[in-house]
Amino acid sequence: LKDNNDGYIQYVQIIKVIDELKPHITSCSDQTVCIDKDCATSVNIPLSGTDNCSDQIRFRTDITRPDGTHDKRSDITAITGSGFTAGAYKIQVIAKDQCGNEDTCNMTLTIKDCKKPTPYCLNGIATVVMPSTGSVQVWAKDFDLGASDNCTESIKLKFSFTKNTADAGKVLTCVNIPNGKEQP
């Protein structure tokens, strides 16, 4: 150090303050959204986070669609869009603070058809027990009179006697007739 013979000593010291704390994403939870009558839906999921030194957090996302394609978005404040169809969307959210620190979280956006099909059924059917086998096979589909669904084609609807879709048919015998007599 020199005082330049004036009795004062001058020294320049550089002090760098570095923020190495990542921001914290506070809006990263799995979401489920029901599709609308057109079998697609719009979503609007706000993104939020906190940081120790700045309120300005920038978000970007990488959305993996059910078909495996990616949709990357930058400088966003919400996950928005229309035309989301049924399926599970894997979403990676990245938050970046003003100091370049990043936090990442993963969430799943599940788009599902929440509307049950609309049944339209025959009140009953009449059939005859086959004399050769003593039985008759009845199918749940035999009771359909034009059921419909908002997202599934009618020909792809499944019919069953219970919630188990494998319970689509029943074999009935005379044992199934109470007291062995025809019912009115």
C-alpha atoms as a PDB file:
ATOM      1  CA  LEU A   1       0.000   0.000   0.000  1.00  0.00           C
ATOM      2  CA  LYS A   2       1.252   3.440  -0.800  1.00  0.00           C
ATOM      3  CA  ASP A   3       0.230   6.713   0.674  1.00  0.00           C
ATOM      4  CA  ASN A   4       1.595   8.781  -2.239  1.00  0.00           C
ATOM      5  CA  ASN A   5       3.417  10.853   0.377  1.00  0.00           C
ATOM      6  CA  ASP A   6       0.215  12.665   1.281  1.00  0.00           C
ATOM      7  CA  GLY A   7      -0.521  10.781   4.512  1.00  0.00           C
ATOM      8  CA  TYR A   8      -3.651   9.092   3.175  1.00  0.00           C
ATOM      9  CA  ILE A   9      -3.825   5.460   2.292  1.00  0.00           C
ATOM     10  CA  GLN A  10      -6.474   4.462  -0.198  1.00  0.00           C
ATOM     11  CA  TYR A  11      -7.436   0.917  -0.998  1.00  0.00           C
ATOM     12  CA  VAL A  12     -10.274  -0.382  -3.172  1.00  0.00           C
ATOM     13  CA  GLN A  13     -11.874  -3.584  -1.993  1.00  0.00           C
ATOM     14  CA  ILE A  14     -14.550  -5.377  -3.993  1.00  0.00           C
ATOM     15  CA  ILE A  15     -17.205  -7.195  -1.979  1.00  0.00           C
ATOM     16  CA  LYS A  16     -19.450  -9.544  -3.929  1.00  0.00           C
ATOM     17  CA  VAL A  17     -22.737 -10.685  -2.462  1.00  0.00           C
ATOM     18  CA  ILE A  18     -23.893 -13.900  -4.049  1.00  0.00           C
ATOM     19  CA  ASP A  19     -27.355 -15.382  -3.617  1.00  0.00           C
ATOM     20  CA  GLU A  20     -27.224 -19.137  -4.024  1.00  0.00           C
ATOM     21  CA  LEU A  21     -30.650 -19.908  -2.536  1.00  0.00           C
ATOM     22  CA  LYS A  22     -33.100 -21.373  -5.004  1.00  0.00           C
ATOM     23  CA  PRO A  23     -36.601 -19.980  -5.287  1.00  0.00           C
ATOM     24  CA  HIS A  24     -39.338 -22.239  -3.928  1.00  0.00           C
ATOM     25  CA  ILE A  25     -42.250 -23.280  -6.161  1.00  0.00           C
ATOM     26  CA  THR A  26     -45.434 -23.184  -4.074  1.00  0.00           C
ATOM     27  CA  SER A  27     -47.933 -24.281  -6.738  1.00  0.00           C
ATOM     28  CA  CYS A  28     -46.756 -27.720  -7.755  1.00  0.00           C
ATOM     29  CA  SER A  29     -49.416 -30.262  -6.897  1.00  0.00           C
ATOM     30  CA  ASP A  30     -51.084 -32.868  -9.065  1.00  0.00           C
ATOM     31  CA  GLN A  31     -54.298 -31.646 -10.678  1.00  0.00           C
ATOM     32  CA  THR A  32     -57.356 -33.390 -12.122  1.00  0.00           C
ATOM     33  CA  VAL A  33     -59.630 -31.610 -14.580  1.00  0.00           C
ATOM     34  CA  CYS A  34     -62.815 -32.979 -16.154  1.00  0.00           C
ATOM     35  CA  ILE A  35     -63.308 -32.662 -19.886  1.00  0.00           C
ATOM     36  CA  ASP A  36     -66.302 -30.845 -21.287  1.00  0.00           C
ATOM     37  CA  LYS A  37     -68.982 -31.967 -23.731  1.00  0.00           C
ATOM     38  CA  ASP A  38     -66.517 -31.745 -26.641  1.00  0.00           C
ATOM     39  CA  CYS A  39     -64.154 -34.262 -24.989  1.00  0.00           C
ATOM     40  CA  ALA A  40     -61.475 -31.634 -24.443  1.00  0.00           C
ATOM     41  CA  THR A  41     -60.957 -28.883 -21.948  1.00  0.00           C
ATOM     42  CA  SER A  42     -59.145 -25.663 -21.212  1.00  0.00           C
ATOM     43  CA  VAL A  43     -56.847 -25.425 -18.227  1.00  0.00           C
ATOM     44  CA  ASN A  44     -55.602 -22.479 -16.207  1.00  0.00           C
ATOM     45  CA  ILE A  45     -53.255 -23.456 -13.394  1.00  0.00           C
ATOM     46  CA  PRO A  46     -51.550 -20.396 -11.851  1.00  0.00           C
ATOM     47  CA  LEU A  47     -47.864 -20.749 -11.008  1.00  0.00           C
ATOM     48  CA  SER A  48     -46.436 -19.190  -7.869  1.00  0.00           C
ATOM     49  CA  GLY A  49     -43.299 -19.261  -5.801  1.00  0.00           C
ATOM     50  CA  THR A  50     -41.250 -17.451  -3.177  1.00  0.00           C
ATOM     51  CA  ASP A  51     -37.681 -16.248  -3.155  1.00  0.00           C
ATOM     52  CA  ASN A  52     -35.440 -14.779  -0.473  1.00  0.00           C
ATOM     53  CA  CYS A  53     -34.439 -11.656  -2.400  1.00  0.00           C
ATOM     54  CA  SER A  54     -36.838 -11.045  -5.266  1.00  0.00           C
ATOM     55  CA  ASP A  55     -40.534 -11.142  -6.063  1.00  0.00           C
ATOM     56  CA  GLN A  56     -39.762 -11.599  -9.742  1.00  0.00           C
ATOM     57  CA  ILE A  57     -39.666 -15.297 -10.472  1.00  0.00           C
ATOM     58  CA  ARG A  58     -39.793 -16.474 -14.056  1.00  0.00           C
ATOM     59  CA  PHE A  59     -41.435 -19.797 -14.854  1.00  0.00           C
ATOM     60  CA  ARG A  60     -41.086 -22.177 -17.745  1.00  0.00           C
ATOM     61  CA  THR A  61     -42.597 -25.609 -18.303  1.00  0.00           C
ATOM     62  CA  ASP A  62     -41.985 -28.778 -20.248  1.00  0.00           C
ATOM     63  CA  ILE A  63     -45.270 -30.622 -20.756  1.00  0.00           C
ATOM     64  CA  THR A  64     -45.113 -34.247 -21.887  1.00  0.00           C
ATOM     65  CA  ARG A  65     -48.420 -35.088 -23.532  1.00  0.00           C
ATOM     66  CA  PRO A  66     -49.982 -38.578 -23.317  1.00  0.00           C
ATOM     67  CA  ASP A  67     -48.725 -39.296 -26.861  1.00  0.00           C
ATOM     68  CA  GLY A  68     -45.117 -38.550 -25.786  1.00  0.00           C
ATOM     69  CA  THR A  69     -44.764 -35.201 -27.561  1.00  0.00           C
ATOM     70  CA  HIS A  70     -43.420 -32.187 -25.675  1.00  0.00           C
ATOM     71  CA  ASP A  71     -44.769 -28.680 -25.330  1.00  0.00           C
ATOM     72  CA  LYS A  72     -42.224 -26.223 -23.899  1.00  0.00           C
ATOM     73  CA  ARG A  73     -43.303 -22.798 -22.685  1.00  0.00           C
ATOM     74  CA  SER A  74     -41.237 -19.913 -21.283  1.00  0.00           C
ATOM     75  CA  ASP A  75     -41.954 -16.696 -19.369  1.00  0.00           C
ATOM     76  CA  ILE A  76     -45.356 -17.831 -18.168  1.00  0.00           C
ATOM     77  CA  THR A  77     -47.373 -17.193 -15.022  1.00  0.00           C
ATOM     78  CA  ALA A  78     -49.801 -20.095 -15.482  1.00  0.00           C
ATOM     79  CA  ILE A  79     -50.186 -23.374 -17.291  1.00  0.00           C
ATOM     80  CA  THR A  80     -52.918 -22.475 -19.750  1.00  0.00           C
ATOM     81  CA  GLY A  81     -54.332 -23.751 -22.961  1.00  0.00           C
ATOM     82  CA  SER A  82     -57.282 -25.366 -24.648  1.00  0.00           C
ATOM     83  CA  GLY A  83     -57.748 -28.661 -26.378  1.00  0.00           C
ATOM     84  CA  PHE A  84     -56.400 -30.837 -23.560  1.00  0.00           C
ATOM     85  CA  THR A  85     -57.856 -34.294 -24.198  1.00  0.00           C
ATOM     86  CA  ALA A  86     -58.206 -37.214 -21.782  1.00  0.00           C
ATOM     87  CA  GLY A  87     -54.958 -38.588 -20.413  1.00  0.00           C
ATOM     88  CA  ALA A  88     -52.094 -37.893 -18.029  1.00  0.00           C
ATOM     89  CA  TYR A  89     -49.802 -34.959 -18.774  1.00  0.00           C
ATOM     90  CA  LYS A  90     -46.402 -34.957 -17.031  1.00  0.00           C
ATOM     91  CA  ILE A  91     -45.379 -31.365 -16.328  1.00  0.00           C
ATOM     92  CA  GLN A  92     -41.968 -30.156 -15.226  1.00  0.00           C
ATOM     93  CA  VAL A  93     -42.081 -26.629 -13.802  1.00  0.00           C
ATOM     94  CA  ILE A  94     -38.847 -24.615 -13.574  1.00  0.00           C
ATOM     95  CA  ALA A  95     -38.667 -21.393 -11.540  1.00  0.00           C
ATOM     96  CA  LYS A  96     -35.742 -18.984 -11.961  1.00  0.00           C
ATOM     97  CA  ASP A  97     -35.013 -16.019  -9.691  1.00  0.00           C
ATOM     98  CA  GLN A  98     -33.202 -12.776 -10.577  1.00  0.00           C
ATOM     99  CA  CYS A  99     -29.855 -14.260  -9.453  1.00  0.00           C
ATOM    100  CA  GLY A 100     -30.051 -17.215 -11.842  1.00  0.00           C
ATOM    101  CA  ASN A 101     -30.975 -19.833  -9.240  1.00  0.00           C
ATOM    102  CA  GLU A 102     -33.497 -22.438 -10.333  1.00  0.00           C
ATOM    103  CA  ASP A 103     -35.914 -24.784  -8.612  1.00  0.00           C
ATOM    104  CA  THR A 104     -37.722 -27.620 -10.361  1.00  0.00           C
ATOM    105  CA  CYS A 105     -40.794 -29.643  -9.527  1.00  0.00           C
ATOM    106  CA  ASN A 106     -42.859 -32.256 -11.311  1.00  0.00           C
ATOM    107  CA  MET A 107     -46.598 -32.587 -11.365  1.00  0.00           C
ATOM    108  CA  THR A 108     -49.207 -34.631 -13.186  1.00  0.00           C
ATOM    109  CA  LEU A 109     -52.211 -33.047 -14.858  1.00  0.00           C
ATOM    110  CA  THR A 110     -54.890 -35.683 -15.347  1.00  0.00           C
ATOM    111  CA  ILE A 111     -57.631 -34.854 -17.816  1.00  0.00           C
ATOM    112  CA  LYS A 112     -60.502 -37.282 -17.480  1.00  0.00           C
ATOM    113  CA  ASP A 113     -64.020 -37.850 -18.660  1.00  0.00           C
ATOM    114  CA  CYS A 114     -66.044 -37.377 -15.466  1.00  0.00           C
ATOM    115  CA  LYS A 115     -69.428 -37.745 -17.179  1.00  0.00           C
ATOM    116  CA  LYS A 116     -70.832 -41.237 -17.080  1.00  0.00           C
ATOM    117  CA  PRO A 117     -72.482 -42.664 -20.194  1.00  0.00           C
ATOM    118  CA  THR A 118     -76.216 -42.148 -20.524  1.00  0.00           C
ATOM    119  CA  PRO A 119     -78.035 -45.480 -20.532  1.00  0.00           C
ATOM    120  CA  TYR A 120     -81.192 -45.954 -22.543  1.00  0.00           C
ATOM    121  CA  CYS A 121     -82.463 -49.412 -21.825  1.00  0.00           C
ATOM    122  CA  LEU A 122     -85.306 -51.749 -22.553  1.00  0.00           C
ATOM    123  CA  ASN A 123     -87.459 -52.289 -19.483  1.00  0.00           C
ATOM    124  CA  GLY A 124     -87.048 -56.034 -19.898  1.00  0.00           C
ATOM    125  CA  ILE A 125     -86.730 -58.786 -22.425  1.00  0.00           C
ATOM    126  CA  ALA A 126     -88.556 -62.055 -22.837  1.00  0.00           C
ATOM    127  CA  THR A 127     -86.732 -65.243 -23.707  1.00  0.00           C
ATOM    128  CA  VAL A 128     -87.234 -68.979 -23.519  1.00  0.00           C
ATOM    129  CA  VAL A 129     -85.101 -71.517 -21.691  1.00  0.00           C
ATOM    130  CA  MET A 130     -83.680 -73.898 -24.287  1.00  0.00           C
ATOM    131  CA  PRO A 131     -85.129 -77.398 -23.791  1.00  0.00           C
ATOM    132  CA  SER A 132     -81.876 -79.061 -24.910  1.00  0.00           C
ATOM    133  CA  THR A 133     -79.679 -77.359 -22.279  1.00  0.00           C
ATOM    134  CA  GLY A 134     -82.208 -76.156 -19.738  1.00  0.00           C
ATOM    135  CA  SER A 135     -80.600 -72.723 -19.898  1.00  0.00           C
ATOM    136  CA  VAL A 136     -80.475 -69.502 -21.842  1.00  0.00           C
ATOM    137  CA  GLN A 137     -77.678 -66.967 -22.197  1.00  0.00           C
ATOM    138  CA  VAL A 138     -78.608 -63.296 -21.807  1.00  0.00           C
ATOM    139  CA  TRP A 139     -76.244 -60.400 -22.584  1.00  0.00           C
ATOM    140  CA  ALA A 140     -76.352 -56.967 -20.986  1.00  0.00           C
ATOM    141  CA  LYS A 141     -76.119 -55.516 -24.501  1.00  0.00           C
ATOM    142  CA  ASP A 142     -79.532 -57.101 -25.192  1.00  0.00           C
ATOM    143  CA  PHE A 143     -81.069 -54.423 -22.929  1.00  0.00           C
ATOM    144  CA  ASP A 144     -79.518 -51.470 -24.841  1.00  0.00           C
ATOM    145  CA  LEU A 145     -81.946 -49.244 -26.674  1.00  0.00           C
ATOM    146  CA  GLY A 146     -79.408 -46.584 -27.734  1.00  0.00           C
ATOM    147  CA  ALA A 147     -77.102 -45.647 -24.848  1.00  0.00           C
ATOM    148  CA  SER A 148     -74.724 -42.752 -25.543  1.00  0.00           C
ATOM    149  CA  ASP A 149     -71.658 -41.011 -24.165  1.00  0.00           C
ATOM    150  CA  ASN A 150     -70.112 -37.600 -24.724  1.00  0.00           C
ATOM    151  CA  CYS A 151     -66.671 -38.987 -25.645  1.00  0.00           C
ATOM    152  CA  THR A 152     -67.051 -42.662 -26.532  1.00  0.00           C
ATOM    153  CA  GLU A 153     -68.607 -43.819 -29.774  1.00  0.00           C
ATOM    154  CA  SER A 154     -71.756 -45.890 -29.228  1.00  0.00           C
ATOM    155  CA  ILE A 155     -70.181 -48.942 -30.855  1.00  0.00           C
ATOM    156  CA  LYS A 156     -67.326 -48.813 -28.310  1.00  0.00           C
ATOM    157  CA  LEU A 157     -69.544 -48.669 -25.221  1.00  0.00           C
ATOM    158  CA  LYS A 158     -69.327 -51.716 -22.944  1.00  0.00           C
ATOM    159  CA  PHE A 159     -72.389 -53.211 -21.296  1.00  0.00           C
ATOM    160  CA  SER A 160     -72.430 -55.355 -18.177  1.00  0.00           C
ATOM    161  CA  PHE A 161     -74.730 -56.414 -15.365  1.00  0.00           C
ATOM    162  CA  THR A 162     -72.356 -54.998 -12.700  1.00  0.00           C
ATOM    163  CA  LYS A 163     -69.514 -52.456 -12.535  1.00  0.00           C
ATOM    164  CA  ASN A 164     -67.221 -55.280 -13.635  1.00  0.00           C
ATOM    165  CA  THR A 165     -67.251 -54.978 -17.432  1.00  0.00           C
ATOM    166  CA  ALA A 166     -66.380 -58.689 -17.703  1.00  0.00           C
ATOM    167  CA  ASP A 167     -69.861 -59.427 -16.299  1.00  0.00           C
ATOM    168  CA  ALA A 168     -71.398 -58.911 -19.742  1.00  0.00           C
ATOM    169  CA  GLY A 169     -73.403 -62.123 -19.959  1.00  0.00           C
ATOM    170  CA  LYS A 170     -75.396 -64.433 -17.712  1.00  0.00           C
ATOM    171  CA  VAL A 171     -76.489 -68.004 -18.156  1.00  0.00           C
ATOM    172  CA  LEU A 172     -79.933 -68.482 -16.632  1.00  0.00           C
ATOM    173  CA  THR A 173     -81.581 -71.797 -15.807  1.00  0.00           C
ATOM    174  CA  CYS A 174     -84.871 -72.809 -14.225  1.00  0.00           C
ATOM    175  CA  VAL A 175     -83.139 -72.412 -10.827  1.00  0.00           C
ATOM    176  CA  ASN A 176     -83.103 -68.642 -11.494  1.00  0.00           C
ATOM    177  CA  ILE A 177     -86.921 -68.624 -11.711  1.00  0.00           C
ATOM    178  CA  PRO A 178     -88.334 -68.098  -8.189  1.00  0.00           C
ATOM    179  CA  ASN A 179     -90.614 -71.011  -7.221  1.00  0.00           C
ATOM    180  CA  GLY A 180     -90.170 -72.292 -10.780  1.00  0.00           C
ATOM    181  CA  LYS A 181     -92.958 -70.034 -11.990  1.00  0.00           C
ATOM    182  CA  GLU A 182     -93.084 -67.302 -14.569  1.00  0.00           C
ATOM    183  CA  GLN A 183     -93.029 -63.774 -13.140  1.00  0.00           C
ATOM    184  CA  PRO A 184     -95.600 -61.178 -14.240  1.00  0.00           C
END
